[in-house]
Amino acid sequence: MPTNPFLSLFGRSPIGPMQMHIAKAHECAAKLNDFIDAVIADDWTEAERLQQEIAELERAADKLKKDVRVHLPKSLFLPVPRSDLLELLSVQDKVANRAKDIAGLMLGRKMTIPGPLQPSFKAFVSRSVDAAAQALRAMNELDELLETGFSGREVTLVEKLIDELDGIEHDTDNMQIKLRADLYLLEKDLPPVDVMFLYKIIEWIGDVADRAQRVGNRLELLMAR
């Protein structure tokens, strides 16, 4: 495998820490599956425990983000522009932030999901988490991309991963549209304030997938340079 001489001189940092960061962001988002199960079961003790786990994971991701920013070399010998890595890091961080927002709001209001919406709601959350998992898979190839100088089969592999990520995000778009339409049909039988916050949570769950897709978009920009 070709080796980038700059990586030999300066090591793989900060790529390893950035991969740790996206892994933590994904872990944070993945907890939403169990959290939603607890909400549907009306188990607020378990929901609170999971919300605290999500908040702790988000704080851990935030600490990793700050560590990368502090230790990111200012050297001209970085294999990619420093500004691009910082932007990628910021996009990754938004996945964890949104997962924390969702759990915090739903717990704080002890939100309930109407029975007819529960299966599609769970599927929507799961597919959004799939997007975060796919972003993690793509990011885990970044060190290999650098070693090969953004060329060869590694680029083809990452492009395939990003295409799959785009497909997952497209799925969540369609699921979000359907879920909103189903909620609209139930509006007249629900408290208006509850409906308003349900629409907000549906939007935020879609944000998880959207922000994961942006990780893929930033990787594409790195490969295009």
Protein backbone atom coordinates (compact mmCIF):
# COMPACT_ATOMS: atom_id res chain seq x y z
CA MET A 1 0.00 0.00 0.00
CA PRO A 2 1.40 3.45 -0.86
CA THR A 3 2.38 5.51 2.14
CA ASN A 4 2.01 9.25 2.45
CA PRO A 5 5.44 10.51 3.66
CA PHE A 6 3.85 13.25 5.76
CA LEU A 7 1.94 10.59 7.71
CA SER A 8 5.24 8.80 8.38
CA LEU A 9 6.71 12.02 9.76
CA PHE A 10 3.78 13.24 11.83
CA GLY A 11 1.74 10.14 12.56
CA ARG A 12 -1.98 9.70 11.96
CA SER A 13 -3.07 12.32 14.44
CA PRO A 14 -5.63 13.88 14.41
CA ILE A 15 -7.44 11.26 12.32
CA GLY A 16 -7.57 8.66 15.11
CA PRO A 17 -9.11 11.09 17.63
CA MET A 18 -11.60 12.27 14.99
CA GLN A 19 -12.64 8.68 14.38
CA MET A 20 -13.05 8.23 18.14
CA HIS A 21 -15.23 11.33 18.14
CA ILE A 22 -17.60 10.11 15.41
CA ALA A 23 -17.79 6.73 17.17
CA LYS A 24 -18.92 8.49 20.35
CA ALA A 25 -21.43 10.58 18.39
CA HIS A 26 -22.86 7.41 16.85
CA GLU A 27 -23.05 5.73 20.24
CA CYS A 28 -24.97 8.73 21.52
CA ALA A 29 -27.47 8.54 18.64
CA ALA A 30 -27.83 4.76 18.91
CA LYS A 31 -29.10 5.09 22.50
CA LEU A 32 -32.20 6.77 21.06
CA ASN A 33 -33.55 3.36 20.02
CA ASP A 34 -33.70 2.14 23.62
CA PHE A 35 -34.86 5.55 24.83
CA ILE A 36 -37.84 5.54 22.46
CA ASP A 37 -38.69 1.99 23.58
CA ALA A 38 -38.78 3.24 27.19
CA VAL A 39 -40.97 6.20 26.22
CA ILE A 40 -43.43 3.95 24.40
CA ALA A 41 -43.49 1.61 27.40
CA ASP A 42 -44.21 4.63 29.65
CA ASP A 43 -41.16 3.63 31.70
CA TRP A 44 -39.90 7.05 32.71
CA THR A 45 -37.39 5.69 35.21
CA GLU A 46 -35.64 3.83 32.39
CA ALA A 47 -36.11 6.78 30.04
CA GLU A 48 -34.40 9.07 32.55
CA ARG A 49 -31.51 6.62 32.95
CA LEU A 50 -31.04 6.45 29.19
CA GLN A 51 -31.31 10.22 28.81
CA GLN A 52 -28.51 10.59 31.35
CA GLU A 53 -26.41 8.08 29.38
CA ILE A 54 -27.02 10.04 26.19
CA ALA A 55 -26.05 13.28 27.93
CA GLU A 56 -22.86 11.67 29.29
CA LEU A 57 -21.94 10.37 25.82
CA GLU A 58 -22.55 13.82 24.34
CA ARG A 59 -20.25 15.35 26.97
CA ALA A 60 -17.61 12.74 26.16
CA ALA A 61 -17.93 13.60 22.46
CA ASP A 62 -17.64 17.29 23.30
CA LYS A 63 -14.45 16.65 25.27
CA LEU A 64 -12.97 14.72 22.34
CA LYS A 65 -13.92 17.59 20.02
CA LYS A 66 -12.15 20.11 22.24
CA ASP A 67 -9.07 17.88 22.54
CA VAL A 68 -8.82 17.58 18.76
CA ARG A 69 -9.18 21.34 18.33
CA VAL A 70 -6.48 22.06 20.92
CA HIS A 71 -3.99 19.52 19.57
CA LEU A 72 -4.68 19.83 15.86
CA PRO A 73 -1.31 20.78 14.37
CA LYS A 74 -0.98 24.18 12.75
CA SER A 75 1.84 22.80 10.62
CA LEU A 76 1.78 23.17 6.86
CA PHE A 77 2.47 19.44 6.68
CA LEU A 78 -1.05 18.34 7.54
CA PRO A 79 -2.21 15.91 4.83
CA VAL A 80 -5.43 17.89 4.36
CA PRO A 81 -6.31 21.53 5.11
CA ARG A 82 -6.72 22.18 8.83
CA SER A 83 -9.91 24.15 8.19
CA ASP A 84 -11.47 21.13 6.43
CA LEU A 85 -10.76 18.88 9.40
CA LEU A 86 -12.21 21.41 11.82
CA GLU A 87 -15.37 21.70 9.71
CA LEU A 88 -15.69 17.92 9.54
CA LEU A 89 -15.29 17.71 13.31
CA SER A 90 -18.00 20.33 13.82
CA VAL A 91 -20.43 18.44 11.57
CA GLN A 92 -19.77 15.18 13.43
CA ASP A 93 -20.45 16.87 16.75
CA LYS A 94 -23.91 17.99 15.67
CA VAL A 95 -25.05 14.34 15.49
CA ALA A 96 -24.43 13.89 19.21
CA ASN A 97 -25.90 17.29 20.04
CA ARG A 98 -29.17 16.52 18.31
CA ALA A 99 -29.51 13.13 19.98
CA LYS A 100 -29.13 14.84 23.36
CA ASP A 101 -31.73 17.45 22.38
CA ILE A 102 -34.28 14.78 21.46
CA ALA A 103 -33.90 12.81 24.69
CA GLY A 104 -33.86 15.93 26.82
CA LEU A 105 -37.05 17.41 25.37
CA MET A 106 -38.98 14.14 25.38
CA LEU A 107 -38.01 13.38 28.96
CA GLY A 108 -38.60 16.92 30.17
CA ARG A 109 -42.15 16.95 28.80
CA LYS A 110 -42.75 13.22 29.38
CA MET A 111 -43.93 13.09 25.80
CA THR A 112 -46.15 10.26 24.63
CA ILE A 113 -46.26 8.86 21.09
CA PRO A 114 -49.80 8.09 19.90
CA GLY A 115 -50.35 4.35 19.48
CA PRO A 116 -51.04 4.45 15.73
CA LEU A 117 -47.71 6.23 15.17
CA GLN A 118 -45.52 4.03 17.34
CA PRO A 119 -44.36 1.42 14.77
CA SER A 120 -43.47 4.01 12.13
CA PHE A 121 -41.93 6.29 14.76
CA LYS A 122 -39.62 3.50 15.97
CA ALA A 123 -38.66 2.63 12.39
CA PHE A 124 -37.92 6.30 11.70
CA VAL A 125 -35.61 6.56 14.72
CA SER A 126 -33.86 3.32 13.78
CA ARG A 127 -33.25 4.43 10.20
CA SER A 128 -31.89 7.78 11.37
CA VAL A 129 -29.48 5.93 13.65
CA ASP A 130 -28.49 3.80 10.63
CA ALA A 131 -27.33 7.03 8.98
CA ALA A 132 -25.06 7.80 11.93
CA ALA A 133 -23.66 4.26 11.77
CA GLN A 134 -22.95 4.66 8.04
CA ALA A 135 -21.20 7.98 8.66
CA LEU A 136 -19.00 6.15 11.18
CA ARG A 137 -18.14 3.47 8.60
CA ALA A 138 -17.14 6.11 6.09
CA MET A 139 -15.05 8.06 8.61
CA ASN A 140 -13.24 4.89 9.66
CA GLU A 141 -11.77 4.81 6.14
CA LEU A 142 -10.26 8.30 6.38
CA ASP A 143 -6.84 7.13 7.56
CA GLU A 144 -6.68 4.68 4.66
CA LEU A 145 -7.68 7.46 2.28
CA LEU A 146 -4.79 9.57 3.52
CA GLU A 147 -2.30 6.71 3.23
CA THR A 148 -3.30 6.12 -0.39
CA GLY A 149 -3.26 9.82 -1.21
CA PHE A 150 -6.99 9.87 -1.96
CA SER A 151 -6.65 7.51 -4.89
CA GLY A 152 -7.28 3.95 -6.00
CA ARG A 153 -9.73 1.40 -4.67
CA GLU A 154 -10.04 3.13 -1.29
CA VAL A 155 -11.70 6.14 -2.93
CA THR A 156 -14.15 3.82 -4.72
CA LEU A 157 -14.97 2.13 -1.41
CA VAL A 158 -15.60 5.42 0.38
CA GLU A 159 -17.69 6.76 -2.50
CA LYS A 160 -19.85 3.62 -2.23
CA LEU A 161 -20.25 4.13 1.52
CA ILE A 162 -21.26 7.76 0.97
CA ASP A 163 -23.76 6.77 -1.74
CA GLU A 164 -25.31 4.30 0.72
CA LEU A 165 -25.42 7.04 3.35
CA ASP A 166 -27.27 9.30 0.89
CA GLY A 167 -29.76 6.47 0.31
CA ILE A 168 -30.36 6.03 4.02
CA GLU A 169 -30.94 9.75 4.48
CA HIS A 170 -33.38 9.70 1.54
CA ASP A 171 -35.27 6.89 3.30
CA THR A 172 -35.57 9.02 6.43
CA ASP A 173 -36.89 11.94 4.37
CA ASN A 174 -39.69 9.75 3.04
CA MET A 175 -40.40 8.30 6.48
CA GLN A 176 -40.56 11.79 7.95
CA ILE A 177 -43.06 12.94 5.33
CA LYS A 178 -45.27 9.91 6.01
CA LEU A 179 -45.05 10.32 9.78
CA ARG A 180 -46.04 13.97 9.56
CA ALA A 181 -49.00 13.08 7.35
CA ASP A 182 -50.12 10.40 9.82
CA LEU A 183 -49.80 12.83 12.73
CA TYR A 184 -51.85 15.40 10.83
CA LEU A 185 -54.72 12.91 10.67
CA LEU A 186 -54.63 12.54 14.46
CA GLU A 187 -54.27 16.23 15.34
CA LYS A 188 -57.90 16.89 16.19
CA ASP A 189 -57.84 14.24 18.92
CA LEU A 190 -54.62 15.42 20.59
CA PRO A 191 -53.73 18.42 22.77
CA PRO A 192 -52.40 21.14 20.42
CA VAL A 193 -49.25 21.73 22.49
CA ASP A 194 -48.43 18.00 22.38
CA VAL A 195 -48.88 18.01 18.62
CA MET A 196 -46.54 20.98 18.26
CA PHE A 197 -43.79 19.25 20.20
CA LEU A 198 -44.29 15.96 18.34
CA TYR A 199 -43.69 17.78 15.06
CA LYS A 200 -40.53 19.28 16.59
CA ILE A 201 -39.25 15.86 17.70
CA ILE A 202 -39.97 14.37 14.27
CA GLU A 203 -37.95 17.20 12.71
CA TRP A 204 -35.06 16.64 15.13
CA ILE A 205 -34.96 12.89 14.50
CA GLY A 206 -34.66 13.69 10.80
CA ASP A 207 -31.82 16.06 11.71
CA VAL A 208 -29.80 13.11 13.05
CA ALA A 209 -29.79 11.53 9.59
CA ASP A 210 -29.28 14.86 7.86
CA ARG A 211 -26.26 15.71 9.98
CA ALA A 212 -24.81 12.24 9.46
CA GLN A 213 -25.18 12.76 5.72
CA ARG A 214 -23.23 16.01 6.02
CA VAL A 215 -20.31 14.02 7.41
CA GLY A 216 -20.30 12.12 4.13
CA ASN A 217 -20.55 15.38 2.21
CA ARG A 218 -17.47 16.74 3.98
CA LEU A 219 -15.55 13.55 3.18
CA GLU A 220 -16.48 13.98 -0.47
CA LEU A 221 -15.07 17.49 -0.40
CA LEU A 222 -11.81 16.20 1.06
CA MET A 223 -11.54 13.63 -1.71
CA ALA A 224 -12.25 16.25 -4.36
CA ARG A 225 -9.34 18.48 -3.34
